[in-house]
């Protein structure tokens, strides 16, 4: 294995993501054109200390910057430890720039986990392919929709495999292996924890992210969901999910087909108590009223609303913002595109 302390520099980019996508709860995800980036230097003139980590952008005042506590470096330490490398390279500098809003349903933690896995792979010069990198991601983030989208790119469907009992040693039963601080000789993940498939996406479809200025913790958003569902609600989602995965790849997009296919009865109705204005936004912003609109739904666990549209972006965003404003919530919006390159690591 090459020396981990060899002088080099590189940039890791991981896109933000939206998950669930209407009826696709814990199934569908898409990577979007807003990137978490890590600039990394090892034993170069930029490395003036044994370890230095700086951070700019969203969360800059609050994110811990010590290796054992920052999510990105904790993840990298796990990847290294699982491959017999129990320390970071000497003379390491990392600068993180994060434009992804934290706790808003745009996959900020998923991007951090993906970036951390790529960082561990690059620091250890392990040269793992993306399928193997996904296994490591899923030891940290137990829901594949966000991390599969951020890692692989594009519009992605995924599921966790039912592993044979002999393959489950070391697989966390909790949300994350990093509930504990990484320690020496941590377990490698089994091969093939999940399967994912990149689906077709029609190029004219853009994503309007309407981002309210408050956070919803994923754990809290999951806590409001029921443990059992009525059969007719499950069938309702299955029917729409089967149609939606093809409809979003058709060009030109069919607004009536997509708008009805993004309806959901599994998670959005139960999260309305956490997001003031959600029922009104979902029921009043329709293709009949706003030309160019194709569908509108919660991004991930929220509170960000994602609207799919081909044009008329400003009017659609302002309509949702007006509802938030009526509920005393400030918001912003960005028009994003689905990106297909996924996470990358390239020399600086």
C-alpha atoms as a PDB file:
ATOM      1  CA  UNK A   1       0.000   0.000   0.000  1.00  0.00           C
ATOM      2  CA  UNK A   2       1.426   3.472  -0.862  1.00  0.00           C
ATOM      3  CA  UNK A   3       2.576   5.654   2.055  1.00  0.00           C
ATOM      4  CA  UNK A   4      -0.375   7.642   3.437  1.00  0.00           C
ATOM      5  CA  UNK A   5       1.973  10.548   4.201  1.00  0.00           C
ATOM      6  CA  UNK A   6       3.029  11.033   0.567  1.00  0.00           C
ATOM      7  CA  UNK A   7       2.843  14.704  -0.442  1.00  0.00           C
ATOM      8  CA  UNK A   8      -0.332  15.427  -2.409  1.00  0.00           C
ATOM      9  CA  UNK A   9      -3.423  17.614  -2.579  1.00  0.00           C
ATOM     10  CA  UNK A  10      -6.938  16.955  -3.808  1.00  0.00           C
ATOM     11  CA  UNK A  11     -10.527  18.191  -3.747  1.00  0.00           C
ATOM     12  CA  UNK A  12     -13.543  16.107  -2.760  1.00  0.00           C
ATOM     13  CA  UNK A  13     -17.001  17.256  -3.872  1.00  0.00           C
ATOM     14  CA  UNK A  14     -20.286  15.752  -2.670  1.00  0.00           C
ATOM     15  CA  UNK A  15     -23.640  17.082  -3.895  1.00  0.00           C
ATOM     16  CA  UNK A  16     -26.621  17.786  -1.714  1.00  0.00           C
ATOM     17  CA  UNK A  17     -29.619  15.526  -2.200  1.00  0.00           C
ATOM     18  CA  UNK A  18     -33.354  15.304  -1.823  1.00  0.00           C
ATOM     19  CA  UNK A  19     -34.932  12.073  -0.634  1.00  0.00           C
ATOM     20  CA  UNK A  20     -38.389  10.470  -0.474  1.00  0.00           C
ATOM     21  CA  UNK A  21     -39.602  12.311  -3.621  1.00  0.00           C
ATOM     22  CA  UNK A  22     -43.360  12.205  -3.056  1.00  0.00           C
ATOM     23  CA  UNK A  23     -44.439   8.581  -2.510  1.00  0.00           C
ATOM     24  CA  UNK A  24     -40.863   7.239  -2.562  1.00  0.00           C
ATOM     25  CA  UNK A  25     -40.356   7.239   1.217  1.00  0.00           C
ATOM     26  CA  UNK A  26     -36.914   5.789   2.034  1.00  0.00           C
ATOM     27  CA  UNK A  27     -36.645   4.641  -1.612  1.00  0.00           C
ATOM     28  CA  UNK A  28     -35.969   7.542  -3.997  1.00  0.00           C
ATOM     29  CA  UNK A  29     -33.278  10.196  -3.937  1.00  0.00           C
ATOM     30  CA  UNK A  30     -31.747  12.702  -6.314  1.00  0.00           C
ATOM     31  CA  UNK A  31     -28.439  14.573  -6.253  1.00  0.00           C
ATOM     32  CA  UNK A  32     -28.675  18.322  -6.748  1.00  0.00           C
ATOM     33  CA  UNK A  33     -26.313  21.055  -7.911  1.00  0.00           C
ATOM     34  CA  UNK A  34     -25.152  22.329  -4.520  1.00  0.00           C
ATOM     35  CA  UNK A  35     -21.811  20.844  -3.456  1.00  0.00           C
ATOM     36  CA  UNK A  36     -20.018  20.306  -0.169  1.00  0.00           C
ATOM     37  CA  UNK A  37     -16.291  20.581  -0.975  1.00  0.00           C
ATOM     38  CA  UNK A  38     -13.141  19.529   0.874  1.00  0.00           C
ATOM     39  CA  UNK A  39      -9.747  20.858  -0.150  1.00  0.00           C
ATOM     40  CA  UNK A  40      -7.074  18.583   1.309  1.00  0.00           C
ATOM     41  CA  UNK A  41      -3.300  19.009   1.545  1.00  0.00           C
ATOM     42  CA  UNK A  42      -0.850  16.397   2.876  1.00  0.00           C
ATOM     43  CA  UNK A  43       2.802  17.343   3.473  1.00  0.00           C
ATOM     44  CA  UNK A  44       2.679  20.371   1.164  1.00  0.00           C
ATOM     45  CA  UNK A  45       3.674  24.003   1.829  1.00  0.00           C
ATOM     46  CA  UNK A  46       0.050  24.653   2.897  1.00  0.00           C
ATOM     47  CA  UNK A  47       0.380  22.234   5.856  1.00  0.00           C
ATOM     48  CA  UNK A  48       1.937  24.297   8.623  1.00  0.00           C
ATOM     49  CA  UNK A  49       0.599  22.195  11.517  1.00  0.00           C
ATOM     50  CA  UNK A  50       0.227  18.472  12.241  1.00  0.00           C
ATOM     51  CA  UNK A  51      -3.544  18.822  11.755  1.00  0.00           C
ATOM     52  CA  UNK A  52      -5.568  21.842  10.702  1.00  0.00           C
ATOM     53  CA  UNK A  53      -9.242  21.938   9.755  1.00  0.00           C
ATOM     54  CA  UNK A  54     -11.086  25.069   8.688  1.00  0.00           C
ATOM     55  CA  UNK A  55     -14.713  25.473   7.679  1.00  0.00           C
ATOM     56  CA  UNK A  56     -16.763  28.064   5.813  1.00  0.00           C
ATOM     57  CA  UNK A  57     -20.405  28.354   4.846  1.00  0.00           C
ATOM     58  CA  UNK A  58     -23.460  26.889   6.558  1.00  0.00           C
ATOM     59  CA  UNK A  59     -22.783  25.866  10.148  1.00  0.00           C
ATOM     60  CA  UNK A  60     -19.344  27.484  10.259  1.00  0.00           C
ATOM     61  CA  UNK A  61     -19.881  28.800  13.809  1.00  0.00           C
ATOM     62  CA  UNK A  62     -21.128  25.512  15.233  1.00  0.00           C
ATOM     63  CA  UNK A  63     -19.425  22.595  13.498  1.00  0.00           C
ATOM     64  CA  UNK A  64     -16.688  20.920  15.614  1.00  0.00           C
ATOM     65  CA  UNK A  65     -13.284  20.872  13.954  1.00  0.00           C
ATOM     66  CA  UNK A  66     -11.483  18.139  15.898  1.00  0.00           C
ATOM     67  CA  UNK A  67     -10.944  14.830  14.059  1.00  0.00           C
ATOM     68  CA  UNK A  68     -12.857  12.698  16.599  1.00  0.00           C
ATOM     69  CA  UNK A  69     -15.916  14.952  16.661  1.00  0.00           C
ATOM     70  CA  UNK A  70     -16.416  16.321  13.158  1.00  0.00           C
ATOM     71  CA  UNK A  71     -18.725  14.030  11.149  1.00  0.00           C
ATOM     72  CA  UNK A  72     -16.533  14.146   8.038  1.00  0.00           C
ATOM     73  CA  UNK A  73     -13.272  13.280   9.784  1.00  0.00           C
ATOM     74  CA  UNK A  74     -14.937  10.752  12.130  1.00  0.00           C
ATOM     75  CA  UNK A  75     -16.183   8.949   9.052  1.00  0.00           C
ATOM     76  CA  UNK A  76     -12.727   9.085   7.455  1.00  0.00           C
ATOM     77  CA  UNK A  77     -11.167   7.720  10.656  1.00  0.00           C
ATOM     78  CA  UNK A  78     -13.607   4.803  10.563  1.00  0.00           C
ATOM     79  CA  UNK A  79     -12.723   3.975   6.936  1.00  0.00           C
ATOM     80  CA  UNK A  80      -9.017   4.103   7.751  1.00  0.00           C
ATOM     81  CA  UNK A  81      -9.380   2.042  10.938  1.00  0.00           C
ATOM     82  CA  UNK A  82     -11.400  -0.641   9.137  1.00  0.00           C
ATOM     83  CA  UNK A  83      -8.463  -0.970   6.736  1.00  0.00           C
ATOM     84  CA  UNK A  84      -5.766  -1.216   9.379  1.00  0.00           C
ATOM     85  CA  UNK A  85      -4.720   2.456   9.398  1.00  0.00           C
ATOM     86  CA  UNK A  86      -5.235   3.896  12.876  1.00  0.00           C
ATOM     87  CA  UNK A  87      -4.105   7.479  12.430  1.00  0.00           C
ATOM     88  CA  UNK A  88      -4.423  10.381  10.041  1.00  0.00           C
ATOM     89  CA  UNK A  89      -1.473  11.312   7.847  1.00  0.00           C
ATOM     90  CA  UNK A  90       1.063  13.670   9.428  1.00  0.00           C
ATOM     91  CA  UNK A  91       0.862  17.310   8.329  1.00  0.00           C
ATOM     92  CA  UNK A  92      -2.747  17.292   7.143  1.00  0.00           C
ATOM     93  CA  UNK A  93      -4.814  20.376   6.297  1.00  0.00           C
ATOM     94  CA  UNK A  94      -8.509  20.248   5.354  1.00  0.00           C
ATOM     95  CA  UNK A  95     -10.707  23.163   4.355  1.00  0.00           C
ATOM     96  CA  UNK A  96     -14.430  22.447   4.178  1.00  0.00           C
ATOM     97  CA  UNK A  97     -16.848  24.706   2.349  1.00  0.00           C
ATOM     98  CA  UNK A  98     -20.511  23.906   2.899  1.00  0.00           C
ATOM     99  CA  UNK A  99     -23.295  25.776   1.078  1.00  0.00           C
ATOM    100  CA  UNK A 100     -25.899  23.120   2.032  1.00  0.00           C
ATOM    101  CA  UNK A 101     -28.398  24.300   4.698  1.00  0.00           C
ATOM    102  CA  UNK A 102     -28.211  22.141   7.824  1.00  0.00           C
ATOM    103  CA  UNK A 103     -31.261  20.268   9.082  1.00  0.00           C
ATOM    104  CA  UNK A 104     -33.483  21.364   6.195  1.00  0.00           C
ATOM    105  CA  UNK A 105     -34.047  18.146   4.243  1.00  0.00           C
ATOM    106  CA  UNK A 106     -31.346  18.668   1.618  1.00  0.00           C
ATOM    107  CA  UNK A 107     -29.013  15.877   2.669  1.00  0.00           C
ATOM    108  CA  UNK A 108     -26.368  17.903   4.524  1.00  0.00           C
ATOM    109  CA  UNK A 109     -25.431  14.970   6.768  1.00  0.00           C
ATOM    110  CA  UNK A 110     -25.549  12.545   3.829  1.00  0.00           C
ATOM    111  CA  UNK A 111     -23.120  14.734   1.874  1.00  0.00           C
ATOM    112  CA  UNK A 112     -20.839  14.908   4.930  1.00  0.00           C
ATOM    113  CA  UNK A 113     -20.846  11.110   5.292  1.00  0.00           C
ATOM    114  CA  UNK A 114     -20.129  10.601   1.590  1.00  0.00           C
ATOM    115  CA  UNK A 115     -17.342  13.199   1.692  1.00  0.00           C
ATOM    116  CA  UNK A 116     -15.924  11.520   4.793  1.00  0.00           C
ATOM    117  CA  UNK A 117     -15.871   8.096   3.161  1.00  0.00           C
ATOM    118  CA  UNK A 118     -14.137   9.511   0.085  1.00  0.00           C
ATOM    119  CA  UNK A 119     -11.698  11.319   2.385  1.00  0.00           C
ATOM    120  CA  UNK A 120     -10.818   8.080   4.178  1.00  0.00           C
ATOM    121  CA  UNK A 121     -10.421   6.291   0.862  1.00  0.00           C
ATOM    122  CA  UNK A 122      -8.151   9.046  -0.483  1.00  0.00           C
ATOM    123  CA  UNK A 123      -6.072   9.440   2.682  1.00  0.00           C
ATOM    124  CA  UNK A 124      -5.451   5.695   2.830  1.00  0.00           C
ATOM    125  CA  UNK A 125      -5.052   5.435  -0.962  1.00  0.00           C
ATOM    126  CA  UNK A 126      -7.443   2.478  -0.831  1.00  0.00           C
ATOM    127  CA  UNK A 127      -8.852   2.980  -4.360  1.00  0.00           C
ATOM    128  CA  UNK A 128     -12.277   1.504  -3.609  1.00  0.00           C
ATOM    129  CA  UNK A 129     -14.985   1.613  -6.264  1.00  0.00           C
ATOM    130  CA  UNK A 130     -18.287   3.387  -5.601  1.00  0.00           C
ATOM    131  CA  UNK A 131     -20.207   0.213  -4.787  1.00  0.00           C
ATOM    132  CA  UNK A 132     -17.736  -0.528  -1.987  1.00  0.00           C
ATOM    133  CA  UNK A 133     -17.740   3.101  -0.861  1.00  0.00           C
ATOM    134  CA  UNK A 134     -21.529   2.842  -0.514  1.00  0.00           C
ATOM    135  CA  UNK A 135     -21.086  -0.033   1.955  1.00  0.00           C
ATOM    136  CA  UNK A 136     -18.993   2.246   4.152  1.00  0.00           C
ATOM    137  CA  UNK A 137     -21.534   5.068   3.861  1.00  0.00           C
ATOM    138  CA  UNK A 138     -24.271   2.726   5.045  1.00  0.00           C
ATOM    139  CA  UNK A 139     -22.362   1.842   8.189  1.00  0.00           C
ATOM    140  CA  UNK A 140     -22.722   5.511   9.134  1.00  0.00           C
ATOM    141  CA  UNK A 141     -26.030   6.533   7.539  1.00  0.00           C
ATOM    142  CA  UNK A 142     -28.519   3.683   7.696  1.00  0.00           C
ATOM    143  CA  UNK A 143     -30.952   5.077   5.121  1.00  0.00           C
ATOM    144  CA  UNK A 144     -29.549   4.683   1.609  1.00  0.00           C
ATOM    145  CA  UNK A 145     -31.672   7.204  -0.307  1.00  0.00           C
ATOM    146  CA  UNK A 146     -29.608  10.332   0.468  1.00  0.00           C
ATOM    147  CA  UNK A 147     -26.147   8.758   0.485  1.00  0.00           C
ATOM    148  CA  UNK A 148     -26.770   6.678  -2.641  1.00  0.00           C
ATOM    149  CA  UNK A 149     -27.872   9.801  -4.528  1.00  0.00           C
ATOM    150  CA  UNK A 150     -24.961  11.919  -3.282  1.00  0.00           C
ATOM    151  CA  UNK A 151     -22.388   9.200  -3.991  1.00  0.00           C
ATOM    152  CA  UNK A 152     -23.681   7.853  -7.305  1.00  0.00           C
ATOM    153  CA  UNK A 153     -25.360  10.958  -8.736  1.00  0.00           C
ATOM    154  CA  UNK A 154     -28.611  11.400 -10.630  1.00  0.00           C
ATOM    155  CA  UNK A 155     -32.076  10.104  -9.755  1.00  0.00           C
ATOM    156  CA  UNK A 156     -31.641   6.934  -7.716  1.00  0.00           C
ATOM    157  CA  UNK A 157     -33.782   4.139  -6.278  1.00  0.00           C
ATOM    158  CA  UNK A 158     -32.239   2.019  -3.529  1.00  0.00           C
ATOM    159  CA  UNK A 159     -32.932  -0.571  -0.876  1.00  0.00           C
ATOM    160  CA  UNK A 160     -31.075  -2.292   1.956  1.00  0.00           C
ATOM    161  CA  UNK A 161     -30.467  -5.975   1.312  1.00  0.00           C
ATOM    162  CA  UNK A 162     -31.547  -8.668   3.741  1.00  0.00           C
ATOM    163  CA  UNK A 163     -28.100  -9.878   4.787  1.00  0.00           C
ATOM    164  CA  UNK A 164     -27.284 -13.449   5.770  1.00  0.00           C
ATOM    165  CA  UNK A 165     -26.742 -13.696   9.554  1.00  0.00           C
ATOM    166  CA  UNK A 166     -23.068 -14.500   9.092  1.00  0.00           C
ATOM    167  CA  UNK A 167     -22.646 -11.237   7.148  1.00  0.00           C
ATOM    168  CA  UNK A 168     -24.112  -8.961   9.815  1.00  0.00           C
ATOM    169  CA  UNK A 169     -21.161  -8.910  12.229  1.00  0.00           C
ATOM    170  CA  UNK A 170     -20.291  -5.289  12.882  1.00  0.00           C
ATOM    171  CA  UNK A 171     -23.333  -3.864  11.070  1.00  0.00           C
ATOM    172  CA  UNK A 172     -24.859  -1.330  13.472  1.00  0.00           C
ATOM    173  CA  UNK A 173     -28.392  -1.905  14.705  1.00  0.00           C
ATOM    174  CA  UNK A 174     -28.629   1.796  15.593  1.00  0.00           C
ATOM    175  CA  UNK A 175     -28.729   4.725  13.236  1.00  0.00           C
ATOM    176  CA  UNK A 176     -24.958   5.023  12.987  1.00  0.00           C
ATOM    177  CA  UNK A 177     -21.727   3.256  13.758  1.00  0.00           C
ATOM    178  CA  UNK A 178     -20.406   6.674  14.781  1.00  0.00           C
ATOM    179  CA  UNK A 179     -22.602   6.909  17.860  1.00  0.00           C
ATOM    180  CA  UNK A 180     -19.268   5.927  19.384  1.00  0.00           C
ATOM    181  CA  UNK A 181     -15.881   7.529  18.715  1.00  0.00           C
ATOM    182  CA  UNK A 182     -13.911   5.559  16.104  1.00  0.00           C
ATOM    183  CA  UNK A 183     -11.475   3.149  17.693  1.00  0.00           C
ATOM    184  CA  UNK A 184      -8.611   1.036  16.317  1.00  0.00           C
ATOM    185  CA  UNK A 185      -9.414  -1.902  14.083  1.00  0.00           C
ATOM    186  CA  UNK A 186     -13.096  -1.193  13.543  1.00  0.00           C
ATOM    187  CA  UNK A 187     -15.051  -3.734  11.463  1.00  0.00           C
ATOM    188  CA  UNK A 188     -15.201  -3.591   7.701  1.00  0.00           C
ATOM    189  CA  UNK A 189     -18.732  -3.505   6.294  1.00  0.00           C
ATOM    190  CA  UNK A 190     -20.133  -6.553   4.512  1.00  0.00           C
ATOM    191  CA  UNK A 191     -20.080  -6.399   0.735  1.00  0.00           C
ATOM    192  CA  UNK A 192     -23.296  -5.227  -0.909  1.00  0.00           C
ATOM    193  CA  UNK A 193     -25.292  -3.805   2.018  1.00  0.00           C
ATOM    194  CA  UNK A 194     -27.601  -2.106  -0.471  1.00  0.00           C
ATOM    195  CA  UNK A 195     -28.555  -2.170  -4.116  1.00  0.00           C
ATOM    196  CA  UNK A 196     -29.194   1.045  -6.019  1.00  0.00           C
ATOM    197  CA  UNK A 197     -30.284   1.861  -9.532  1.00  0.00           C
ATOM    198  CA  UNK A 198     -29.926   5.122 -11.428  1.00  0.00           C
ATOM    199  CA  UNK A 199     -33.199   6.072 -13.108  1.00  0.00           C
ATOM    200  CA  UNK A 200     -33.844   8.299 -16.101  1.00  0.00           C
ATOM    201  CA  UNK A 201     -34.408  12.014 -15.491  1.00  0.00           C
ATOM    202  CA  UNK A 202     -35.797  14.369 -18.117  1.00  0.00           C
ATOM    203  CA  UNK A 203     -33.348  17.227 -18.641  1.00  0.00           C
ATOM    204  CA  UNK A 204     -35.998  20.014 -18.775  1.00  0.00           C
ATOM    205  CA  UNK A 205     -37.107  19.288 -15.189  1.00  0.00           C
ATOM    206  CA  UNK A 206     -35.533  21.633 -12.638  1.00  0.00           C
ATOM    207  CA  UNK A 207     -35.913  21.562  -8.856  1.00  0.00           C
ATOM    208  CA  UNK A 208     -36.998  24.626  -6.903  1.00  0.00           C
ATOM    209  CA  UNK A 209     -35.924  24.286  -3.278  1.00  0.00           C
ATOM    210  CA  UNK A 210     -37.959  26.586  -1.011  1.00  0.00           C
ATOM    211  CA  UNK A 211     -35.963  26.647   2.210  1.00  0.00           C
ATOM    212  CA  UNK A 212     -37.597  27.964   5.410  1.00  0.00           C
ATOM    213  CA  UNK A 213     -35.338  29.394   8.096  1.00  0.00           C
ATOM    214  CA  UNK A 214     -35.839  26.734  10.726  1.00  0.00           C
ATOM    215  CA  UNK A 215     -34.615  23.187  11.163  1.00  0.00           C
ATOM    216  CA  UNK A 216     -36.429  19.880  11.576  1.00  0.00           C
ATOM    217  CA  UNK A 217     -34.345  17.090  13.094  1.00  0.00           C
ATOM    218  CA  UNK A 218     -34.662  13.846  11.130  1.00  0.00           C
ATOM    219  CA  UNK A 219     -35.176  11.899  14.368  1.00  0.00           C
ATOM    220  CA  UNK A 220     -38.080  14.164  15.318  1.00  0.00           C
ATOM    221  CA  UNK A 221     -39.592  13.896  11.828  1.00  0.00           C
ATOM    222  CA  UNK A 222     -39.431  10.085  12.035  1.00  0.00           C
ATOM    223  CA  UNK A 223     -40.919  10.058  15.542  1.00  0.00           C
ATOM    224  CA  UNK A 224     -44.234  11.476  14.315  1.00  0.00           C
ATOM    225  CA  UNK A 225     -44.737   8.650  11.803  1.00  0.00           C
ATOM    226  CA  UNK A 226     -47.055   5.759  12.677  1.00  0.00           C
ATOM    227  CA  UNK A 227     -45.757   2.240  13.229  1.00  0.00           C
ATOM    228  CA  UNK A 228     -48.601   0.740  11.175  1.00  0.00           C
ATOM    229  CA  UNK A 229     -50.420   1.909   8.035  1.00  0.00           C
ATOM    230  CA  UNK A 230     -53.792   1.166   6.498  1.00  0.00           C
ATOM    231  CA  UNK A 231     -53.579  -1.111   3.469  1.00  0.00           C
ATOM    232  CA  UNK A 232     -55.264   1.411   1.172  1.00  0.00           C
ATOM    233  CA  UNK A 233     -52.653   4.064   2.029  1.00  0.00           C
ATOM    234  CA  UNK A 234     -49.790   1.687   1.261  1.00  0.00           C
ATOM    235  CA  UNK A 235     -51.404   0.706  -2.055  1.00  0.00           C
ATOM    236  CA  UNK A 236     -51.945   4.396  -2.822  1.00  0.00           C
ATOM    237  CA  UNK A 237     -48.192   5.020  -2.522  1.00  0.00           C
ATOM    238  CA  UNK A 238     -47.169   1.854  -4.380  1.00  0.00           C
ATOM    239  CA  UNK A 239     -49.330   2.810  -7.360  1.00  0.00           C
ATOM    240  CA  UNK A 240     -47.893   6.310  -7.611  1.00  0.00           C
ATOM    241  CA  UNK A 241     -44.318   5.207  -7.017  1.00  0.00           C
ATOM    242  CA  UNK A 242     -44.513   2.727  -9.906  1.00  0.00           C
ATOM    243  CA  UNK A 243     -45.689   5.481 -12.260  1.00  0.00           C
ATOM    244  CA  UNK A 244     -43.401   8.241 -10.969  1.00  0.00           C
ATOM    245  CA  UNK A 245     -40.115   6.437 -11.596  1.00  0.00           C
ATOM    246  CA  UNK A 246     -40.886   6.333 -15.320  1.00  0.00           C
ATOM    247  CA  UNK A 247     -42.779   9.630 -15.601  1.00  0.00           C
ATOM    248  CA  UNK A 248     -39.800  11.719 -14.452  1.00  0.00           C
ATOM    249  CA  UNK A 249     -37.700  10.333 -17.310  1.00  0.00           C
ATOM    250  CA  UNK A 250     -40.159  11.196 -20.077  1.00  0.00           C
ATOM    251  CA  UNK A 251     -39.559  14.200 -22.306  1.00  0.00           C
ATOM    252  CA  UNK A 252     -41.624  16.308 -22.638  1.00  0.00           C
ATOM    253  CA  UNK A 253     -42.785  15.904 -19.029  1.00  0.00           C
ATOM    254  CA  UNK A 254     -46.495  15.307 -18.405  1.00  0.00           C
ATOM    255  CA  UNK A 255     -47.591  17.736 -15.666  1.00  0.00           C
ATOM    256  CA  UNK A 256     -50.884  16.011 -14.853  1.00  0.00           C
ATOM    257  CA  UNK A 257     -49.226  12.596 -14.650  1.00  0.00           C
ATOM    258  CA  UNK A 258     -46.327  13.763 -12.465  1.00  0.00           C
ATOM    259  CA  UNK A 259     -48.386  16.013 -10.170  1.00  0.00           C
ATOM    260  CA  UNK A 260     -50.708  13.162  -9.272  1.00  0.00           C
ATOM    261  CA  UNK A 261     -47.869  10.636  -9.047  1.00  0.00           C
ATOM    262  CA  UNK A 262     -45.979  12.658  -6.383  1.00  0.00           C
ATOM    263  CA  UNK A 263     -48.887  12.502  -3.923  1.00  0.00           C
ATOM    264  CA  UNK A 264     -48.132  10.720  -0.668  1.00  0.00           C
ATOM    265  CA  UNK A 265     -49.955   9.205   2.323  1.00  0.00           C
ATOM    266  CA  UNK A 266     -47.014   7.670   4.177  1.00  0.00           C
ATOM    267  CA  UNK A 267     -45.022  10.567   5.612  1.00  0.00           C
ATOM    268  CA  UNK A 268     -46.186  14.039   4.538  1.00  0.00           C
ATOM    269  CA  UNK A 269     -49.599  13.979   6.281  1.00  0.00           C
ATOM    270  CA  UNK A 270     -47.939  13.190   9.610  1.00  0.00           C
ATOM    271  CA  UNK A 271     -45.253  15.864   9.345  1.00  0.00           C
ATOM    272  CA  UNK A 272     -47.638  18.771   8.831  1.00  0.00           C
ATOM    273  CA  UNK A 273     -47.553  19.508  12.566  1.00  0.00           C
ATOM    274  CA  UNK A 274     -43.808  20.149  12.295  1.00  0.00           C
ATOM    275  CA  UNK A 275     -43.975  22.439   9.257  1.00  0.00           C
ATOM    276  CA  UNK A 276     -46.462  25.331   9.449  1.00  0.00           C
ATOM    277  CA  UNK A 277     -48.091  25.984   6.076  1.00  0.00           C
ATOM    278  CA  UNK A 278     -47.245  22.575   4.588  1.00  0.00           C
ATOM    279  CA  UNK A 279     -50.847  21.444   3.878  1.00  0.00           C
ATOM    280  CA  UNK A 280     -51.684  24.756   2.204  1.00  0.00           C
ATOM    281  CA  UNK A 281     -48.546  24.722   0.047  1.00  0.00           C
ATOM    282  CA  UNK A 282     -49.169  21.160  -1.139  1.00  0.00           C
ATOM    283  CA  UNK A 283     -52.865  21.719  -1.852  1.00  0.00           C
ATOM    284  CA  UNK A 284     -52.910  25.194  -3.415  1.00  0.00           C
ATOM    285  CA  UNK A 285     -49.776  25.285  -5.564  1.00  0.00           C
ATOM    286  CA  UNK A 286     -50.917  23.212  -8.526  1.00  0.00           C
ATOM    287  CA  UNK A 287     -50.216  23.000 -12.278  1.00  0.00           C
ATOM    288  CA  UNK A 288     -53.647  24.499 -12.940  1.00  0.00           C
ATOM    289  CA  UNK A 289     -52.583  27.693 -11.174  1.00  0.00           C
ATOM    290  CA  UNK A 290     -48.884  27.804 -12.018  1.00  0.00           C
ATOM    291  CA  UNK A 291     -47.798  27.065 -15.554  1.00  0.00           C
ATOM    292  CA  UNK A 292     -44.599  25.024 -15.646  1.00  0.00           C
ATOM    293  CA  UNK A 293     -45.182  23.271 -12.306  1.00  0.00           C
ATOM    294  CA  UNK A 294     -44.978  19.472 -12.407  1.00  0.00           C
ATOM    295  CA  UNK A 295     -45.112  18.447  -8.753  1.00  0.00           C
ATOM    296  CA  UNK A 296     -44.507  19.670  -5.208  1.00  0.00           C
ATOM    297  CA  UNK A 297     -43.568  17.757  -2.045  1.00  0.00           C
ATOM    298  CA  UNK A 298     -41.387  17.716   1.060  1.00  0.00           C
ATOM    299  CA  UNK A 299     -37.669  17.348   0.475  1.00  0.00           C
ATOM    300  CA  UNK A 300     -36.523  14.538   2.741  1.00  0.00           C
ATOM    301  CA  UNK A 301     -37.907  15.048   6.232  1.00  0.00           C
ATOM    302  CA  UNK A 302     -38.395  18.758   5.529  1.00  0.00           C
ATOM    303  CA  UNK A 303     -38.871  21.551   6.180  1.00  0.00           C
ATOM    304  CA  UNK A 304     -37.626  22.388   2.659  1.00  0.00           C
ATOM    305  CA  UNK A 305     -40.279  22.112  -0.045  1.00  0.00           C
ATOM    306  CA  UNK A 306     -39.168  20.849  -3.453  1.00  0.00           C
ATOM    307  CA  UNK A 307     -41.118  21.874  -6.539  1.00  0.00           C
ATOM    308  CA  UNK A 308     -40.403  20.265  -9.905  1.00  0.00           C
ATOM    309  CA  UNK A 309     -40.906  22.619 -12.835  1.00  0.00           C
ATOM    310  CA  UNK A 310     -39.799  23.381 -16.357  1.00  0.00           C
ATOM    311  CA  UNK A 311     -40.205  27.180 -16.135  1.00  0.00           C
ATOM    312  CA  UNK A 312     -41.963  29.937 -14.133  1.00  0.00           C
ATOM    313  CA  UNK A 313     -39.603  29.198 -11.229  1.00  0.00           C
ATOM    314  CA  UNK A 314     -39.842  32.583  -9.507  1.00  0.00           C
ATOM    315  CA  UNK A 315     -43.653  32.649  -9.380  1.00  0.00           C
ATOM    316  CA  UNK A 316     -43.826  29.097  -8.012  1.00  0.00           C
ATOM    317  CA  UNK A 317     -41.209  29.819  -5.350  1.00  0.00           C
ATOM    318  CA  UNK A 318     -42.827  33.091  -4.333  1.00  0.00           C
ATOM    319  CA  UNK A 319     -46.205  31.396  -3.898  1.00  0.00           C
ATOM    320  CA  UNK A 320     -44.707  28.920  -1.426  1.00  0.00           C
ATOM    321  CA  UNK A 321     -42.753  31.671   0.296  1.00  0.00           C
ATOM    322  CA  UNK A 322     -45.946  33.677   0.736  1.00  0.00           C
ATOM    323  CA  UNK A 323     -47.543  30.771   2.617  1.00  0.00           C
ATOM    324  CA  UNK A 324     -44.508  30.484   4.868  1.00  0.00           C
ATOM    325  CA  UNK A 325     -44.594  34.249   5.413  1.00  0.00           C
ATOM    326  CA  UNK A 326     -48.255  34.059   6.438  1.00  0.00           C
ATOM    327  CA  UNK A 327     -47.111  31.605   9.102  1.00  0.00           C
ATOM    328  CA  UNK A 328     -44.368  34.017  10.273  1.00  0.00           C
ATOM    329  CA  UNK A 329     -41.579  32.002   8.667  1.00  0.00           C
ATOM    330  CA  UNK A 330     -38.880  33.578   6.531  1.00  0.00           C
ATOM    331  CA  UNK A 331     -37.540  31.531   3.629  1.00  0.00           C
ATOM    332  CA  UNK A 332     -35.289  31.603   0.596  1.00  0.00           C
ATOM    333  CA  UNK A 333     -35.216  29.583  -2.601  1.00  0.00           C
ATOM    334  CA  UNK A 334     -32.758  28.153  -5.089  1.00  0.00           C
ATOM    335  CA  UNK A 335     -33.312  26.649  -8.523  1.00  0.00           C
ATOM    336  CA  UNK A 336     -31.211  23.481  -8.723  1.00  0.00           C
ATOM    337  CA  UNK A 337     -30.592  20.858 -11.364  1.00  0.00           C
ATOM    338  CA  UNK A 338     -30.224  17.112 -11.002  1.00  0.00           C
ATOM    339  CA  UNK A 339     -26.504  16.330 -11.393  1.00  0.00           C
ATOM    340  CA  UNK A 340     -25.206  13.003 -12.595  1.00  0.00           C
ATOM    341  CA  UNK A 341     -21.545  12.901 -11.588  1.00  0.00           C
ATOM    342  CA  UNK A 342     -22.142  12.244  -7.900  1.00  0.00           C
ATOM    343  CA  UNK A 343     -19.262  12.567  -5.446  1.00  0.00           C
ATOM    344  CA  UNK A 344     -15.764  13.025  -6.882  1.00  0.00           C
ATOM    345  CA  UNK A 345     -12.152  13.209  -5.723  1.00  0.00           C
ATOM    346  CA  UNK A 346      -9.741  15.048  -8.022  1.00  0.00           C
ATOM    347  CA  UNK A 347      -6.206  16.347  -7.724  1.00  0.00           C
ATOM    348  CA  UNK A 348      -5.833  20.054  -6.993  1.00  0.00           C
END
